[in-house]
Amino acid sequence: MPLTDFQEAVARLLACHRDDESYLAGGAAMHIEPNSLRYSNDLDYFQDSEARVASAFQQDSQLLSDEHYEVEVILDRPGFVRAMVKKGKGSSRSTTKVEWVHDTAWRFMPLVKSEVAGLMLHPC
């Protein structure tokens, strides 16, 4: 499986906020199928505008906080937010990097629906 158990838990939680202007992309989207041999280092969520990056980050970080995840912002620029999402204590603490990024609204392939991640870029 290309996502760690922790990444999958975060992706499943954030799936409710995904739409045609905010979707999973990057390596996690390309290799989300269980038979993939590549693990992803992070979860990348693409948005169609800088304003959508800001609103998606606010929605997602609030949901994560409500579910007792810690969201530590590493970098916050117009159109780009990088955070470390953490949960647990001591040796049972889990963490992953999550990025919210402005990207073009033009795509070669249509978005697809994933049970794990909600809407995401087509894996091809």
N, C-alpha and C. Protein backbone atom coordinates (compact mmCIF):
# COMPACT_ATOMS: atom_id res chain seq x y z
N MET A 1 0.85 -1.19 0.00
CA MET A 1 0.00 0.00 0.00
C MET A 1 0.88 1.23 0.00
N PRO A 2 0.59 2.21 -0.85
CA PRO A 2 1.45 3.36 -0.99
C PRO A 2 1.32 4.37 0.14
N LEU A 3 0.26 4.33 0.92
CA LEU A 3 0.10 5.23 2.05
C LEU A 3 0.36 4.45 3.34
N THR A 4 0.99 5.11 4.29
CA THR A 4 1.11 4.49 5.60
C THR A 4 -0.29 4.47 6.23
N ASP A 5 -0.45 3.70 7.27
CA ASP A 5 -1.75 3.67 7.96
C ASP A 5 -2.15 5.06 8.43
N PHE A 6 -1.17 5.83 8.92
CA PHE A 6 -1.44 7.18 9.41
C PHE A 6 -1.86 8.09 8.25
N GLN A 7 -1.14 8.03 7.13
CA GLN A 7 -1.51 8.84 5.96
C GLN A 7 -2.90 8.50 5.48
N GLU A 8 -3.23 7.20 5.47
CA GLU A 8 -4.56 6.80 5.04
C GLU A 8 -5.63 7.36 5.98
N ALA A 9 -5.37 7.35 7.29
CA ALA A 9 -6.33 7.89 8.25
C ALA A 9 -6.55 9.38 8.00
N VAL A 10 -5.47 10.11 7.76
CA VAL A 10 -5.59 11.55 7.47
C VAL A 10 -6.34 11.77 6.17
N ALA A 11 -5.99 11.02 5.12
CA ALA A 11 -6.66 11.17 3.82
C ALA A 11 -8.15 10.85 3.93
N ARG A 12 -8.50 9.81 4.66
CA ARG A 12 -9.92 9.45 4.83
C ARG A 12 -10.67 10.57 5.56
N LEU A 13 -10.05 11.15 6.57
CA LEU A 13 -10.68 12.23 7.32
C LEU A 13 -10.89 13.45 6.42
N LEU A 14 -9.87 13.81 5.64
CA LEU A 14 -9.95 15.01 4.82
C LEU A 14 -10.76 14.80 3.53
N ALA A 15 -11.10 13.56 3.20
CA ALA A 15 -11.84 13.26 1.97
C ALA A 15 -13.16 14.02 1.89
N CYS A 16 -13.78 14.29 3.01
CA CYS A 16 -15.07 14.98 3.01
C CYS A 16 -14.96 16.42 2.50
N HIS A 17 -13.77 16.99 2.50
CA HIS A 17 -13.58 18.36 2.02
C HIS A 17 -13.09 18.43 0.58
N ARG A 18 -12.92 17.31 -0.07
CA ARG A 18 -12.40 17.33 -1.44
C ARG A 18 -13.53 17.61 -2.43
N ASP A 19 -13.22 18.44 -3.41
CA ASP A 19 -14.16 18.75 -4.48
C ASP A 19 -13.38 19.05 -5.75
N ASP A 20 -14.08 19.51 -6.78
CA ASP A 20 -13.39 19.71 -8.05
C ASP A 20 -12.44 20.92 -8.03
N GLU A 21 -12.35 21.62 -6.91
CA GLU A 21 -11.38 22.71 -6.75
C GLU A 21 -10.35 22.41 -5.66
N SER A 22 -10.42 21.22 -5.07
CA SER A 22 -9.49 20.83 -3.99
C SER A 22 -9.43 19.31 -3.95
N TYR A 23 -8.30 18.74 -4.36
CA TYR A 23 -8.22 17.30 -4.58
C TYR A 23 -6.82 16.79 -4.27
N LEU A 24 -6.73 15.50 -3.96
CA LEU A 24 -5.44 14.87 -3.70
C LEU A 24 -4.67 14.75 -5.01
N ALA A 25 -3.37 15.03 -4.96
CA ALA A 25 -2.52 14.95 -6.15
C ALA A 25 -1.15 14.42 -5.73
N GLY A 26 -0.18 14.54 -6.60
CA GLY A 26 1.18 14.12 -6.30
C GLY A 26 1.34 12.61 -6.23
N GLY A 27 2.41 12.18 -5.59
CA GLY A 27 2.74 10.77 -5.50
C GLY A 27 1.67 9.93 -4.83
N ALA A 28 1.01 10.47 -3.83
CA ALA A 28 -0.03 9.71 -3.14
C ALA A 28 -1.18 9.37 -4.10
N ALA A 29 -1.54 10.32 -4.96
CA ALA A 29 -2.62 10.06 -5.92
C ALA A 29 -2.17 9.09 -7.01
N MET A 30 -0.92 9.21 -7.44
CA MET A 30 -0.43 8.34 -8.51
C MET A 30 -0.26 6.89 -8.06
N HIS A 31 0.00 6.70 -6.78
CA HIS A 31 0.32 5.36 -6.28
C HIS A 31 -0.60 4.91 -5.16
N ILE A 32 -1.86 5.32 -5.20
CA ILE A 32 -2.78 5.01 -4.11
C ILE A 32 -3.29 3.57 -4.16
N GLU A 33 -3.19 2.91 -5.29
CA GLU A 33 -3.68 1.54 -5.41
C GLU A 33 -2.86 0.58 -4.54
N PRO A 34 -3.51 -0.42 -3.95
CA PRO A 34 -2.83 -1.34 -3.04
C PRO A 34 -1.65 -2.10 -3.65
N ASN A 35 -1.63 -2.27 -4.97
CA ASN A 35 -0.55 -3.03 -5.59
C ASN A 35 0.67 -2.17 -5.94
N SER A 36 0.63 -0.89 -5.62
CA SER A 36 1.76 -0.01 -5.90
C SER A 36 2.94 -0.37 -4.99
N LEU A 37 4.13 -0.23 -5.51
CA LEU A 37 5.34 -0.51 -4.73
C LEU A 37 5.97 0.74 -4.15
N ARG A 38 5.43 1.90 -4.48
CA ARG A 38 6.02 3.17 -4.03
C ARG A 38 5.20 3.76 -2.90
N TYR A 39 5.86 4.12 -1.82
CA TYR A 39 5.21 4.82 -0.72
C TYR A 39 5.36 6.32 -0.93
N SER A 40 4.40 7.08 -0.47
CA SER A 40 4.45 8.53 -0.58
C SER A 40 5.01 9.12 0.71
N ASN A 41 5.76 10.21 0.57
CA ASN A 41 6.30 10.90 1.74
C ASN A 41 5.32 11.91 2.33
N ASP A 42 4.26 12.22 1.58
CA ASP A 42 3.35 13.26 2.04
C ASP A 42 2.01 13.14 1.32
N LEU A 43 1.10 14.02 1.71
CA LEU A 43 -0.19 14.16 1.04
C LEU A 43 -0.22 15.56 0.45
N ASP A 44 -0.43 15.65 -0.86
CA ASP A 44 -0.48 16.93 -1.56
C ASP A 44 -1.91 17.19 -2.01
N TYR A 45 -2.47 18.32 -1.58
CA TYR A 45 -3.80 18.71 -2.00
C TYR A 45 -3.68 19.93 -2.89
N PHE A 46 -4.13 19.80 -4.15
CA PHE A 46 -4.06 20.89 -5.11
C PHE A 46 -5.38 21.65 -5.11
N GLN A 47 -5.27 22.97 -5.25
CA GLN A 47 -6.43 23.85 -5.34
C GLN A 47 -6.30 24.71 -6.59
N ASP A 48 -7.44 25.14 -7.12
CA ASP A 48 -7.46 25.87 -8.37
C ASP A 48 -7.18 27.37 -8.23
N SER A 49 -7.03 27.88 -7.01
CA SER A 49 -6.72 29.30 -6.81
C SER A 49 -6.01 29.48 -5.47
N GLU A 50 -5.32 30.61 -5.34
CA GLU A 50 -4.67 30.91 -4.06
C GLU A 50 -5.70 31.04 -2.95
N ALA A 51 -6.84 31.65 -3.26
CA ALA A 51 -7.89 31.80 -2.25
C ALA A 51 -8.40 30.43 -1.79
N ARG A 52 -8.51 29.49 -2.72
CA ARG A 52 -8.98 28.15 -2.37
C ARG A 52 -7.96 27.41 -1.52
N VAL A 53 -6.66 27.68 -1.74
CA VAL A 53 -5.62 27.09 -0.88
C VAL A 53 -5.88 27.52 0.56
N ALA A 54 -6.08 28.81 0.76
CA ALA A 54 -6.30 29.34 2.12
C ALA A 54 -7.55 28.75 2.76
N SER A 55 -8.65 28.69 2.01
CA SER A 55 -9.88 28.17 2.61
C SER A 55 -9.80 26.66 2.84
N ALA A 56 -9.15 25.92 1.92
CA ALA A 56 -9.00 24.47 2.11
C ALA A 56 -8.14 24.19 3.33
N PHE A 57 -7.05 24.93 3.48
CA PHE A 57 -6.20 24.73 4.66
C PHE A 57 -6.97 25.02 5.94
N GLN A 58 -7.74 26.09 5.97
CA GLN A 58 -8.51 26.43 7.17
C GLN A 58 -9.52 25.34 7.50
N GLN A 59 -10.26 24.87 6.50
CA GLN A 59 -11.24 23.79 6.73
C GLN A 59 -10.56 22.52 7.21
N ASP A 60 -9.50 22.13 6.52
CA ASP A 60 -8.82 20.87 6.85
C ASP A 60 -8.14 20.94 8.21
N SER A 61 -7.48 22.06 8.50
CA SER A 61 -6.78 22.15 9.78
C SER A 61 -7.77 22.18 10.94
N GLN A 62 -8.93 22.80 10.74
CA GLN A 62 -9.95 22.79 11.79
C GLN A 62 -10.48 21.37 12.03
N LEU A 63 -10.75 20.64 10.95
CA LEU A 63 -11.22 19.27 11.08
C LEU A 63 -10.18 18.40 11.77
N LEU A 64 -8.92 18.55 11.38
CA LEU A 64 -7.85 17.78 12.02
C LEU A 64 -7.76 18.10 13.50
N SER A 65 -7.81 19.39 13.84
CA SER A 65 -7.76 19.79 15.26
C SER A 65 -8.95 19.23 16.04
N ASP A 66 -10.13 19.28 15.42
CA ASP A 66 -11.33 18.74 16.08
C ASP A 66 -11.19 17.25 16.37
N GLU A 67 -10.41 16.55 15.55
CA GLU A 67 -10.20 15.11 15.72
C GLU A 67 -8.90 14.80 16.48
N HIS A 68 -8.37 15.81 17.17
CA HIS A 68 -7.22 15.68 18.06
C HIS A 68 -5.89 15.42 17.35
N TYR A 69 -5.78 15.90 16.12
CA TYR A 69 -4.49 15.90 15.42
C TYR A 69 -3.82 17.24 15.70
N GLU A 70 -2.52 17.25 15.74
CA GLU A 70 -1.76 18.49 15.86
C GLU A 70 -1.34 18.90 14.45
N VAL A 71 -1.54 20.17 14.11
CA VAL A 71 -1.16 20.71 12.81
C VAL A 71 -0.11 21.79 13.05
N GLU A 72 1.13 21.48 12.67
CA GLU A 72 2.25 22.40 12.84
C GLU A 72 2.61 22.98 11.48
N VAL A 73 2.31 24.27 11.28
CA VAL A 73 2.60 24.93 10.00
C VAL A 73 4.11 25.16 9.90
N ILE A 74 4.69 24.67 8.81
CA ILE A 74 6.12 24.82 8.54
C ILE A 74 6.36 26.01 7.61
N LEU A 75 5.49 26.17 6.62
CA LEU A 75 5.64 27.23 5.62
C LEU A 75 4.26 27.70 5.19
N ASP A 76 4.04 29.00 5.17
CA ASP A 76 2.75 29.55 4.80
C ASP A 76 2.99 30.74 3.88
N ARG A 77 2.69 30.54 2.61
CA ARG A 77 2.85 31.57 1.58
C ARG A 77 1.56 31.63 0.77
N PRO A 78 1.30 32.74 0.08
CA PRO A 78 0.12 32.77 -0.78
C PRO A 78 0.16 31.60 -1.78
N GLY A 79 -0.85 30.78 -1.76
CA GLY A 79 -0.92 29.65 -2.68
C GLY A 79 -0.16 28.41 -2.25
N PHE A 80 0.40 28.41 -1.04
CA PHE A 80 1.17 27.24 -0.59
C PHE A 80 1.23 27.19 0.93
N VAL A 81 0.80 26.07 1.50
CA VAL A 81 0.93 25.83 2.94
C VAL A 81 1.49 24.44 3.13
N ARG A 82 2.56 24.34 3.92
CA ARG A 82 3.15 23.04 4.30
C ARG A 82 3.01 22.90 5.80
N ALA A 83 2.53 21.73 6.23
CA ALA A 83 2.36 21.47 7.66
C ALA A 83 2.75 20.03 7.97
N MET A 84 3.15 19.81 9.19
CA MET A 84 3.33 18.47 9.72
C MET A 84 2.09 18.16 10.54
N VAL A 85 1.46 17.04 10.23
CA VAL A 85 0.26 16.60 10.94
C VAL A 85 0.68 15.45 11.83
N LYS A 86 0.35 15.56 13.12
CA LYS A 86 0.83 14.60 14.11
C LYS A 86 -0.32 14.15 15.00
N LYS A 87 -0.15 12.95 15.55
CA LYS A 87 -1.11 12.45 16.53
C LYS A 87 -0.43 11.41 17.38
N GLY A 88 -0.81 11.38 18.65
CA GLY A 88 -0.26 10.39 19.56
C GLY A 88 0.87 10.96 20.40
N LYS A 89 1.36 10.13 21.28
CA LYS A 89 2.43 10.52 22.21
C LYS A 89 3.52 9.45 22.21
N GLY A 90 4.73 9.87 22.51
CA GLY A 90 5.84 8.94 22.68
C GLY A 90 6.08 8.06 21.47
N SER A 91 6.29 6.78 21.72
CA SER A 91 6.61 5.84 20.64
C SER A 91 5.41 5.57 19.72
N SER A 92 4.20 5.92 20.16
CA SER A 92 3.02 5.71 19.32
C SER A 92 2.65 6.97 18.53
N ARG A 93 3.53 7.97 18.55
CA ARG A 93 3.28 9.22 17.81
C ARG A 93 3.49 8.98 16.32
N SER A 94 2.53 9.43 15.52
CA SER A 94 2.61 9.33 14.07
C SER A 94 2.64 10.72 13.47
N THR A 95 3.27 10.85 12.32
CA THR A 95 3.38 12.14 11.66
C THR A 95 3.47 11.98 10.15
N THR A 96 2.99 12.98 9.43
CA THR A 96 3.16 13.05 7.98
C THR A 96 3.13 14.51 7.55
N LYS A 97 3.78 14.79 6.45
CA LYS A 97 3.75 16.13 5.87
C LYS A 97 2.51 16.22 4.98
N VAL A 98 1.83 17.38 5.06
CA VAL A 98 0.68 17.65 4.20
C VAL A 98 0.90 19.02 3.58
N GLU A 99 0.64 19.11 2.27
CA GLU A 99 0.79 20.39 1.57
C GLU A 99 -0.50 20.74 0.84
N TRP A 100 -0.85 22.02 0.90
CA TRP A 100 -1.98 22.59 0.17
C TRP A 100 -1.37 23.56 -0.84
N VAL A 101 -1.61 23.33 -2.13
CA VAL A 101 -0.87 24.01 -3.19
C VAL A 101 -1.81 24.54 -4.26
N HIS A 102 -1.51 25.74 -4.76
CA HIS A 102 -2.24 26.28 -5.91
C HIS A 102 -1.67 25.65 -7.17
N ASP A 103 -2.54 25.13 -8.01
CA ASP A 103 -2.14 24.54 -9.28
C ASP A 103 -3.18 24.92 -10.32
N THR A 104 -2.87 24.73 -11.55
CA THR A 104 -3.79 25.08 -12.63
C THR A 104 -5.09 24.27 -12.55
N ALA A 105 -6.16 24.88 -13.00
CA ALA A 105 -7.44 24.17 -13.04
C ALA A 105 -7.55 23.30 -14.29
N TRP A 106 -6.60 23.43 -15.21
CA TRP A 106 -6.62 22.65 -16.45
C TRP A 106 -5.96 21.31 -16.20
N ARG A 107 -6.61 20.22 -16.63
CA ARG A 107 -6.08 18.87 -16.43
C ARG A 107 -6.23 18.06 -17.71
N PHE A 108 -5.30 17.12 -17.94
CA PHE A 108 -5.40 16.21 -19.07
C PHE A 108 -6.55 15.22 -18.88
N MET A 109 -6.69 14.70 -17.67
CA MET A 109 -7.68 13.67 -17.36
C MET A 109 -8.64 14.21 -16.29
N PRO A 110 -9.86 13.70 -16.25
CA PRO A 110 -10.80 14.15 -15.22
C PRO A 110 -10.39 13.64 -13.83
N LEU A 111 -10.84 14.34 -12.81
CA LEU A 111 -10.63 13.86 -11.45
C LEU A 111 -11.38 12.55 -11.27
N VAL A 112 -10.88 11.71 -10.36
CA VAL A 112 -11.54 10.44 -10.06
C VAL A 112 -11.87 10.38 -8.57
N LYS A 113 -12.87 9.59 -8.24
CA LYS A 113 -13.30 9.41 -6.85
C LYS A 113 -12.57 8.22 -6.24
N SER A 114 -11.99 8.42 -5.08
CA SER A 114 -11.29 7.37 -4.34
C SER A 114 -12.01 7.11 -3.03
N GLU A 115 -12.14 5.85 -2.65
CA GLU A 115 -12.72 5.52 -1.34
C GLU A 115 -11.90 6.11 -0.21
N VAL A 116 -10.60 6.15 -0.40
CA VAL A 116 -9.68 6.62 0.65
C VAL A 116 -9.62 8.14 0.69
N ALA A 117 -9.46 8.78 -0.47
CA ALA A 117 -9.09 10.19 -0.51
C ALA A 117 -10.17 11.14 -1.02
N GLY A 118 -11.31 10.64 -1.42
CA GLY A 118 -12.29 11.51 -2.04
C GLY A 118 -11.84 11.80 -3.46
N LEU A 119 -12.02 13.03 -3.93
CA LEU A 119 -11.58 13.37 -5.28
C LEU A 119 -10.07 13.50 -5.35
N MET A 120 -9.51 12.98 -6.45
CA MET A 120 -8.06 13.05 -6.64
C MET A 120 -7.75 13.09 -8.13
N LEU A 121 -6.53 13.49 -8.45
CA LEU A 121 -6.08 13.47 -9.82
C LEU A 121 -6.15 12.05 -10.37
N HIS A 122 -6.42 11.92 -11.64
CA HIS A 122 -6.40 10.62 -12.30
C HIS A 122 -4.99 10.05 -12.18
N PRO A 123 -4.82 8.79 -11.81
CA PRO A 123 -3.48 8.23 -11.58
C PRO A 123 -2.66 8.01 -12.85
N CYS A 124 -3.22 8.17 -14.03
CA CYS A 124 -2.46 7.97 -15.28
C CYS A 124 -1.77 9.23 -15.73
